[in-house]
Amino acid sequence: MGGFVITTGLLSLFYRQQAVRNLVISTEESNVALTQVFANTLWPEYGSFLSSTGHLTPEALAASDEIRQLKQTVVMQVEGLSVAKVKFYDLKGRTAFSTEASQIGYYKDISAGLLRALEGKPTSQIGHRDTFESLQDNTL
């Protein structure tokens, strides 16, 4: 009887880990698809601006009309979706846009995900934060 309980417990743990793993993979695939939609819909309008922000200070970049317009567009596109934050980096790792205004214009340490993106490979990051921030604020 004890062996049956242990086996059942181990199988439950195994199946739970598999379910969590499959959920993470599915969510990351959805994030990659959403990223491709962003690229296809936003790049034609904002690509030239986002590619030429290197001369702007973080404050000037965050205060620009293009960033305000981009935020409005992004917020409309993610309405009804479970998206916590959207960020665009330039090729040097600088945050050219973020729905979290305090991150705009600052450099991110080169990470494996950023290196993959620089190589043209889709990347997705699923993480847990101890805080929650809403996209619906209109401070930008």
N, C-alpha and C. Protein backbone atom coordinates (compact mmCIF):
# COMPACT_ATOMS: atom_id res chain seq x y z
N MET A 1 0.83 -1.20 0.00
CA MET A 1 0.00 0.00 0.00
C MET A 1 0.87 1.25 0.00
N GLY A 2 1.95 1.26 0.82
CA GLY A 2 2.84 2.41 0.90
C GLY A 2 3.51 2.69 -0.44
N GLY A 3 3.88 1.60 -1.17
CA GLY A 3 4.50 1.77 -2.48
C GLY A 3 3.54 2.41 -3.47
N PHE A 4 2.27 2.06 -3.37
CA PHE A 4 1.25 2.63 -4.25
C PHE A 4 1.11 4.13 -4.01
N VAL A 5 1.12 4.54 -2.76
CA VAL A 5 0.99 5.96 -2.40
C VAL A 5 2.20 6.73 -2.90
N ILE A 6 3.39 6.17 -2.72
CA ILE A 6 4.61 6.83 -3.17
C ILE A 6 4.61 6.95 -4.69
N THR A 7 4.23 5.86 -5.39
CA THR A 7 4.17 5.88 -6.85
C THR A 7 3.17 6.91 -7.33
N THR A 8 2.00 6.95 -6.71
CA THR A 8 0.98 7.93 -7.08
C THR A 8 1.49 9.35 -6.87
N GLY A 9 2.16 9.59 -5.76
CA GLY A 9 2.73 10.91 -5.48
C GLY A 9 3.77 11.31 -6.50
N LEU A 10 4.65 10.37 -6.85
CA LEU A 10 5.69 10.67 -7.83
C LEU A 10 5.09 10.94 -9.21
N LEU A 11 4.10 10.14 -9.59
CA LEU A 11 3.44 10.37 -10.88
C LEU A 11 2.71 11.71 -10.90
N SER A 12 2.08 12.06 -9.80
CA SER A 12 1.40 13.37 -9.72
C SER A 12 2.40 14.50 -9.89
N LEU A 13 3.53 14.38 -9.22
CA LEU A 13 4.57 15.41 -9.34
C LEU A 13 5.09 15.49 -10.77
N PHE A 14 5.33 14.34 -11.39
CA PHE A 14 5.81 14.30 -12.76
C PHE A 14 4.81 14.95 -13.71
N TYR A 15 3.54 14.59 -13.61
CA TYR A 15 2.52 15.14 -14.51
C TYR A 15 2.30 16.63 -14.27
N ARG A 16 2.43 17.06 -13.05
CA ARG A 16 2.31 18.49 -12.75
C ARG A 16 3.45 19.26 -13.41
N GLN A 17 4.68 18.74 -13.29
CA GLN A 17 5.82 19.40 -13.91
C GLN A 17 5.66 19.46 -15.43
N GLN A 18 5.15 18.40 -16.01
CA GLN A 18 4.92 18.37 -17.45
C GLN A 18 3.87 19.40 -17.84
N ALA A 19 2.79 19.50 -17.08
CA ALA A 19 1.73 20.47 -17.37
C ALA A 19 2.25 21.90 -17.27
N VAL A 20 3.04 22.19 -16.24
CA VAL A 20 3.62 23.53 -16.09
C VAL A 20 4.56 23.83 -17.25
N ARG A 21 5.40 22.86 -17.60
CA ARG A 21 6.33 23.03 -18.71
C ARG A 21 5.58 23.31 -20.01
N ASN A 22 4.52 22.55 -20.28
CA ASN A 22 3.73 22.75 -21.50
C ASN A 22 3.04 24.11 -21.49
N LEU A 23 2.58 24.56 -20.33
CA LEU A 23 1.95 25.87 -20.22
C LEU A 23 2.96 26.98 -20.51
N VAL A 24 4.17 26.86 -19.97
CA VAL A 24 5.21 27.86 -20.22
C VAL A 24 5.56 27.89 -21.71
N ILE A 25 5.71 26.74 -22.33
CA ILE A 25 6.04 26.68 -23.75
C ILE A 25 4.93 27.33 -24.57
N SER A 26 3.70 27.00 -24.26
CA SER A 26 2.56 27.58 -24.98
C SER A 26 2.50 29.09 -24.83
N THR A 27 2.73 29.58 -23.62
CA THR A 27 2.70 31.02 -23.37
C THR A 27 3.83 31.72 -24.09
N GLU A 28 5.03 31.12 -24.08
CA GLU A 28 6.15 31.72 -24.79
C GLU A 28 5.89 31.77 -26.29
N GLU A 29 5.28 30.73 -26.84
CA GLU A 29 4.95 30.72 -28.27
C GLU A 29 3.94 31.82 -28.58
N SER A 30 2.98 32.03 -27.69
CA SER A 30 2.01 33.11 -27.87
C SER A 30 2.70 34.46 -27.82
N ASN A 31 3.65 34.62 -26.90
CA ASN A 31 4.40 35.87 -26.80
C ASN A 31 5.19 36.14 -28.07
N VAL A 32 5.80 35.12 -28.63
CA VAL A 32 6.56 35.28 -29.86
C VAL A 32 5.63 35.69 -31.00
N ALA A 33 4.46 35.07 -31.09
CA ALA A 33 3.49 35.43 -32.13
C ALA A 33 3.03 36.88 -31.95
N LEU A 34 2.78 37.28 -30.71
CA LEU A 34 2.38 38.66 -30.44
C LEU A 34 3.49 39.63 -30.81
N THR A 35 4.73 39.26 -30.54
CA THR A 35 5.88 40.10 -30.91
C THR A 35 5.94 40.28 -32.42
N GLN A 36 5.68 39.21 -33.15
CA GLN A 36 5.70 39.31 -34.61
C GLN A 36 4.57 40.21 -35.12
N VAL A 37 3.41 40.15 -34.46
CA VAL A 37 2.31 41.04 -34.82
C VAL A 37 2.71 42.49 -34.56
N PHE A 38 3.33 42.75 -33.39
CA PHE A 38 3.82 44.11 -33.11
C PHE A 38 4.79 44.57 -34.18
N ALA A 39 5.73 43.73 -34.52
CA ALA A 39 6.73 44.10 -35.52
C ALA A 39 6.06 44.43 -36.85
N ASN A 40 5.11 43.62 -37.25
CA ASN A 40 4.45 43.81 -38.55
C ASN A 40 3.56 45.05 -38.58
N THR A 41 2.94 45.38 -37.44
CA THR A 41 2.00 46.50 -37.44
C THR A 41 2.63 47.82 -37.01
N LEU A 42 3.62 47.77 -36.13
CA LEU A 42 4.19 49.01 -35.60
C LEU A 42 5.43 49.48 -36.34
N TRP A 43 6.22 48.55 -36.85
CA TRP A 43 7.49 48.93 -37.48
C TRP A 43 7.31 49.86 -38.68
N PRO A 44 6.34 49.61 -39.56
CA PRO A 44 6.21 50.54 -40.70
C PRO A 44 6.00 51.99 -40.28
N GLU A 45 5.29 52.22 -39.20
CA GLU A 45 5.01 53.59 -38.76
C GLU A 45 6.09 54.16 -37.84
N TYR A 46 6.64 53.34 -36.95
CA TYR A 46 7.55 53.84 -35.93
C TYR A 46 9.00 53.37 -36.08
N GLY A 47 9.26 52.51 -37.02
CA GLY A 47 10.59 51.92 -37.17
C GLY A 47 11.70 52.93 -37.39
N SER A 48 11.48 53.89 -38.27
CA SER A 48 12.55 54.86 -38.54
C SER A 48 12.84 55.71 -37.31
N PHE A 49 11.80 56.08 -36.55
CA PHE A 49 12.04 56.85 -35.33
C PHE A 49 12.78 56.00 -34.30
N LEU A 50 12.31 54.76 -34.07
CA LEU A 50 12.94 53.91 -33.07
C LEU A 50 14.38 53.57 -33.43
N SER A 51 14.70 53.57 -34.70
CA SER A 51 16.06 53.28 -35.14
C SER A 51 17.00 54.47 -35.00
N SER A 52 16.44 55.64 -34.76
CA SER A 52 17.29 56.84 -34.74
C SER A 52 17.20 57.60 -33.42
N THR A 53 17.04 56.89 -32.31
CA THR A 53 16.87 57.55 -31.02
C THR A 53 18.16 57.66 -30.22
N GLY A 54 19.25 57.17 -30.76
CA GLY A 54 20.52 57.12 -30.01
C GLY A 54 21.03 58.47 -29.55
N HIS A 55 20.69 59.54 -30.25
CA HIS A 55 21.18 60.87 -29.89
C HIS A 55 20.33 61.53 -28.80
N LEU A 56 19.16 60.97 -28.49
CA LEU A 56 18.27 61.57 -27.51
C LEU A 56 18.61 61.13 -26.09
N THR A 57 18.49 62.04 -25.15
CA THR A 57 18.65 61.66 -23.74
C THR A 57 17.44 60.83 -23.35
N PRO A 58 17.54 60.04 -22.28
CA PRO A 58 16.37 59.28 -21.84
C PRO A 58 15.15 60.16 -21.59
N GLU A 59 15.37 61.34 -21.03
CA GLU A 59 14.26 62.25 -20.73
C GLU A 59 13.61 62.77 -22.02
N ALA A 60 14.45 63.16 -22.98
CA ALA A 60 13.92 63.67 -24.26
C ALA A 60 13.20 62.57 -25.02
N LEU A 61 13.74 61.37 -24.98
CA LEU A 61 13.10 60.25 -25.66
C LEU A 61 11.73 59.96 -25.04
N ALA A 62 11.69 59.88 -23.71
CA ALA A 62 10.42 59.58 -23.03
C ALA A 62 9.38 60.67 -23.25
N ALA A 63 9.83 61.91 -23.44
CA ALA A 63 8.90 63.02 -23.60
C ALA A 63 8.50 63.27 -25.05
N SER A 64 9.06 62.53 -25.98
CA SER A 64 8.79 62.79 -27.40
C SER A 64 7.35 62.44 -27.78
N ASP A 65 6.85 63.16 -28.76
CA ASP A 65 5.49 62.91 -29.25
C ASP A 65 5.35 61.51 -29.83
N GLU A 66 6.41 61.04 -30.49
CA GLU A 66 6.35 59.70 -31.10
C GLU A 66 6.17 58.63 -30.03
N ILE A 67 6.84 58.78 -28.90
CA ILE A 67 6.71 57.79 -27.83
C ILE A 67 5.30 57.84 -27.25
N ARG A 68 4.75 59.04 -27.09
CA ARG A 68 3.36 59.15 -26.60
C ARG A 68 2.39 58.47 -27.57
N GLN A 69 2.57 58.72 -28.86
CA GLN A 69 1.71 58.10 -29.86
C GLN A 69 1.87 56.59 -29.87
N LEU A 70 3.12 56.14 -29.77
CA LEU A 70 3.40 54.70 -29.76
C LEU A 70 2.75 54.04 -28.56
N LYS A 71 2.82 54.69 -27.40
CA LYS A 71 2.19 54.11 -26.21
C LYS A 71 0.69 53.97 -26.41
N GLN A 72 0.06 54.98 -26.96
CA GLN A 72 -1.38 54.90 -27.21
C GLN A 72 -1.71 53.74 -28.15
N THR A 73 -0.91 53.59 -29.19
CA THR A 73 -1.12 52.51 -30.14
C THR A 73 -0.93 51.15 -29.48
N VAL A 74 0.14 51.00 -28.70
CA VAL A 74 0.42 49.73 -28.02
C VAL A 74 -0.70 49.39 -27.04
N VAL A 75 -1.12 50.38 -26.25
CA VAL A 75 -2.18 50.13 -25.26
C VAL A 75 -3.46 49.68 -25.97
N MET A 76 -3.77 50.28 -27.11
CA MET A 76 -4.96 49.85 -27.87
C MET A 76 -4.80 48.42 -28.37
N GLN A 77 -3.59 48.08 -28.82
CA GLN A 77 -3.37 46.75 -29.38
C GLN A 77 -3.39 45.65 -28.32
N VAL A 78 -3.00 45.95 -27.10
CA VAL A 78 -2.97 44.92 -26.07
C VAL A 78 -4.23 44.92 -25.20
N GLU A 79 -5.16 45.82 -25.50
CA GLU A 79 -6.39 45.86 -24.73
C GLU A 79 -7.09 44.50 -24.77
N GLY A 80 -7.42 43.99 -23.61
CA GLY A 80 -8.09 42.70 -23.51
C GLY A 80 -7.14 41.51 -23.48
N LEU A 81 -5.84 41.75 -23.65
CA LEU A 81 -4.86 40.67 -23.61
C LEU A 81 -4.18 40.66 -22.24
N SER A 82 -3.57 39.55 -21.91
CA SER A 82 -2.86 39.46 -20.63
C SER A 82 -1.39 39.81 -20.83
N VAL A 83 -1.14 41.05 -21.22
CA VAL A 83 0.21 41.55 -21.45
C VAL A 83 0.53 42.52 -20.33
N ALA A 84 1.66 42.29 -19.65
CA ALA A 84 2.04 43.13 -18.53
C ALA A 84 2.90 44.31 -18.97
N LYS A 85 3.81 44.09 -19.93
CA LYS A 85 4.71 45.16 -20.34
C LYS A 85 5.18 44.89 -21.76
N VAL A 86 5.39 45.97 -22.50
CA VAL A 86 5.93 45.88 -23.85
C VAL A 86 7.17 46.77 -23.88
N LYS A 87 8.28 46.20 -24.40
CA LYS A 87 9.53 46.95 -24.52
C LYS A 87 10.13 46.71 -25.90
N PHE A 88 10.73 47.78 -26.45
CA PHE A 88 11.48 47.67 -27.68
C PHE A 88 12.90 48.15 -27.39
N TYR A 89 13.89 47.38 -27.84
CA TYR A 89 15.29 47.74 -27.65
C TYR A 89 15.90 48.12 -29.00
N ASP A 90 16.90 48.99 -28.95
CA ASP A 90 17.66 49.22 -30.17
C ASP A 90 18.77 48.17 -30.25
N LEU A 91 19.59 48.24 -31.27
CA LEU A 91 20.60 47.20 -31.47
C LEU A 91 21.75 47.24 -30.47
N LYS A 92 21.81 48.30 -29.65
CA LYS A 92 22.85 48.39 -28.63
C LYS A 92 22.33 48.02 -27.25
N GLY A 93 21.07 47.63 -27.16
CA GLY A 93 20.50 47.23 -25.87
C GLY A 93 19.82 48.36 -25.13
N ARG A 94 19.64 49.50 -25.77
CA ARG A 94 18.96 50.63 -25.14
C ARG A 94 17.46 50.44 -25.30
N THR A 95 16.72 50.72 -24.25
CA THR A 95 15.26 50.62 -24.31
C THR A 95 14.75 51.83 -25.07
N ALA A 96 14.34 51.62 -26.32
CA ALA A 96 13.83 52.70 -27.15
C ALA A 96 12.38 53.01 -26.79
N PHE A 97 11.65 52.03 -26.27
CA PHE A 97 10.27 52.22 -25.83
C PHE A 97 9.94 51.19 -24.77
N SER A 98 9.17 51.60 -23.80
CA SER A 98 8.63 50.69 -22.81
C SER A 98 7.31 51.26 -22.32
N THR A 99 6.37 50.38 -22.02
CA THR A 99 5.12 50.86 -21.42
C THR A 99 5.36 51.31 -19.99
N GLU A 100 6.54 50.99 -19.46
CA GLU A 100 6.97 51.51 -18.16
C GLU A 100 7.92 52.66 -18.45
N ALA A 101 7.40 53.88 -18.41
CA ALA A 101 8.11 55.07 -18.88
C ALA A 101 9.49 55.25 -18.23
N SER A 102 9.66 54.83 -17.00
CA SER A 102 10.95 55.03 -16.32
C SER A 102 12.07 54.20 -16.94
N GLN A 103 11.77 53.25 -17.81
CA GLN A 103 12.80 52.42 -18.44
C GLN A 103 13.25 52.93 -19.80
N ILE A 104 12.54 53.90 -20.35
CA ILE A 104 12.84 54.40 -21.68
C ILE A 104 14.18 55.13 -21.68
N GLY A 105 15.03 54.77 -22.65
CA GLY A 105 16.30 55.45 -22.84
C GLY A 105 17.47 54.85 -22.09
N TYR A 106 17.22 53.85 -21.29
CA TYR A 106 18.29 53.26 -20.49
C TYR A 106 18.75 51.94 -21.10
N TYR A 107 19.99 51.61 -20.85
CA TYR A 107 20.58 50.41 -21.41
C TYR A 107 20.34 49.21 -20.53
N LYS A 108 20.13 48.08 -21.17
CA LYS A 108 19.97 46.80 -20.49
C LYS A 108 21.28 46.04 -20.67
N ASP A 109 21.67 45.35 -19.62
CA ASP A 109 22.84 44.49 -19.76
C ASP A 109 22.57 43.49 -20.87
N ILE A 110 23.58 43.21 -21.65
CA ILE A 110 23.43 42.24 -22.73
C ILE A 110 23.16 40.87 -22.11
N SER A 111 22.00 40.33 -22.42
CA SER A 111 21.60 39.03 -21.89
C SER A 111 21.49 38.03 -23.03
N ALA A 112 21.26 36.78 -22.68
CA ALA A 112 21.10 35.75 -23.71
C ALA A 112 19.89 36.07 -24.59
N GLY A 113 18.82 36.56 -23.97
CA GLY A 113 17.62 36.90 -24.74
C GLY A 113 17.87 38.04 -25.72
N LEU A 114 18.60 39.05 -25.27
CA LEU A 114 18.91 40.17 -26.16
C LEU A 114 19.85 39.73 -27.28
N LEU A 115 20.80 38.87 -26.97
CA LEU A 115 21.69 38.35 -28.02
C LEU A 115 20.90 37.56 -29.06
N ARG A 116 19.94 36.76 -28.60
CA ARG A 116 19.10 36.01 -29.54
C ARG A 116 18.31 36.97 -30.44
N ALA A 117 17.78 38.03 -29.83
CA ALA A 117 17.02 39.02 -30.60
C ALA A 117 17.92 39.71 -31.62
N LEU A 118 19.15 40.04 -31.23
CA LEU A 118 20.08 40.67 -32.16
C LEU A 118 20.43 39.75 -33.33
N GLU A 119 20.35 38.44 -33.10
CA GLU A 119 20.60 37.46 -34.16
C GLU A 119 19.36 37.23 -35.02
N GLY A 120 18.27 37.92 -34.68
CA GLY A 120 17.04 37.78 -35.44
C GLY A 120 16.19 36.61 -35.01
N LYS A 121 16.49 36.03 -33.86
CA LYS A 121 15.71 34.90 -33.35
C LYS A 121 14.70 35.41 -32.34
N PRO A 122 13.47 34.93 -32.43
CA PRO A 122 12.46 35.38 -31.47
C PRO A 122 12.83 34.99 -30.05
N THR A 123 12.49 35.84 -29.13
CA THR A 123 12.75 35.55 -27.73
C THR A 123 11.57 36.00 -26.90
N SER A 124 11.34 35.30 -25.82
CA SER A 124 10.24 35.61 -24.93
C SER A 124 10.72 35.40 -23.51
N GLN A 125 10.25 36.25 -22.63
CA GLN A 125 10.64 36.12 -21.23
C GLN A 125 9.39 36.09 -20.38
N ILE A 126 9.21 35.01 -19.67
CA ILE A 126 8.10 34.89 -18.74
C ILE A 126 8.70 34.91 -17.36
N GLY A 127 8.24 35.82 -16.56
CA GLY A 127 8.80 35.95 -15.23
C GLY A 127 7.74 36.32 -14.22
N HIS A 128 8.13 36.28 -12.97
CA HIS A 128 7.24 36.64 -11.88
C HIS A 128 7.82 37.85 -11.18
N ARG A 129 6.98 38.81 -10.93
CA ARG A 129 7.39 40.01 -10.23
C ARG A 129 6.59 40.11 -8.93
N ASP A 130 7.16 40.77 -7.95
CA ASP A 130 6.46 40.97 -6.69
C ASP A 130 5.51 42.16 -6.74
N THR A 131 5.54 42.91 -7.87
CA THR A 131 4.66 44.06 -7.99
C THR A 131 3.84 43.94 -9.25
N PHE A 132 2.80 44.73 -9.33
CA PHE A 132 1.95 44.75 -10.50
C PHE A 132 1.81 46.19 -10.96
N GLU A 133 2.00 46.42 -12.24
CA GLU A 133 1.84 47.75 -12.79
C GLU A 133 0.87 47.66 -13.95
N SER A 134 -0.01 48.61 -14.05
CA SER A 134 -1.04 48.59 -15.07
C SER A 134 -0.59 49.34 -16.30
N LEU A 135 -1.02 48.87 -17.46
CA LEU A 135 -0.75 49.57 -18.71
C LEU A 135 -1.71 50.73 -18.90
N GLN A 136 -2.76 50.78 -18.14
CA GLN A 136 -3.80 51.75 -18.37
C GLN A 136 -3.52 53.12 -17.78
N ASP A 137 -2.35 53.31 -17.14
CA ASP A 137 -2.06 54.65 -16.63
C ASP A 137 -1.82 55.58 -17.82
N ASN A 138 -2.15 56.81 -17.70
CA ASN A 138 -2.01 57.75 -18.79
C ASN A 138 -0.96 58.82 -18.48
N THR A 139 0.11 58.40 -17.79
CA THR A 139 1.12 59.36 -17.38
C THR A 139 2.08 59.71 -18.49
N LEU A 140 2.14 58.93 -19.54
CA LEU A 140 3.09 59.20 -20.62
C LEU A 140 2.43 59.98 -21.71
